[in-house]
Amino acid sequence: MRVIAKEGKGLIMDAKMNEKIANEKKIIKLVIFDMDGLMIDTEPISKEYWKQALEFRGLDFREDVFLQMIGLGVDNCAALMRKHYGEDFDFEASHAKRAIYMKEYIETHGVPIKKGLIYMLNRLDELGLKKCIATSTERSSMEKKLTHAGILHRFDGSVTGDEVQEGKPNPEIFLKAAKQIGILPEHCIVLEDSINGIAGAYAAGMHPIMVPDLVPPNAETLARIYAKCNDLEEAAELIATMVQN
């Protein structure tokens, strides 16, 4: 059973969901956050700079490929792009070029945060829940982005894409985040904007809540999520119903 928040409306719950929430009170101890597209509004920027990085090498940007990359670990992104652009595609050079563009943008314009993020962080503090980051981005980039956003210090831990053997949709990053904080997977909520991230959280045996960004959930993803919310403020209030008396 899951909760689906329809666009422009609040959470819709039926009697079975209310019963499920009642049975699950106080089991949630940790909330695990994705970063790009969930906490910070960087996916449209990333899209533009992937386009520029590919055009720099004389290649056409394919939006369908970019959308499939969202939430994937770096190695999986490389495999996907080589599938579409050829085995000789220099992913590392293009990825590095895009990273340079992104760095220049952030240093000039700062990091745009998503609606409800600060509300979410404050609400989780009120609820006494731990917070951890699980992002496919490498650690140096994650720390720079969240330092610019002024929120890095708000988290109890973090695991990044360069610290796991298998990237999303593999569950490794989520399981490692839970282990770092000392919480069992079944006591964890995962906040994700991507289909790939939801797949990993589901495989980890956690409670995935989706806050979609550029890609809406498909039928398979809807079957995996605990809830879909319009923004992080809405998700924060859902979490509150799961842990409060």
Foldseek 3Di string as FASTA:
>chain_A
DAWEADPPGAIDDDPVRLVVLVVQAALAAEEEEEPDQAWFPCLVVLLVLLQVLQVVVVHHRDVVLSQVCPQWAPVVNLVSVCVVVNVPDPSVSSVVSSVVSVVVCCVVPNIHTFPCNVVLLVLCVVLNHAYEYQYSADDVVVVVNVVSVVCPVSHPYYDYNVRDPGGFVALVSVCVRCVVVVHQQQNYEYEEQGLRVLNNSLVSNHAYEHQHGPDDDDPVSVVRHNYYGPHSNSVSVVVCSNHDD
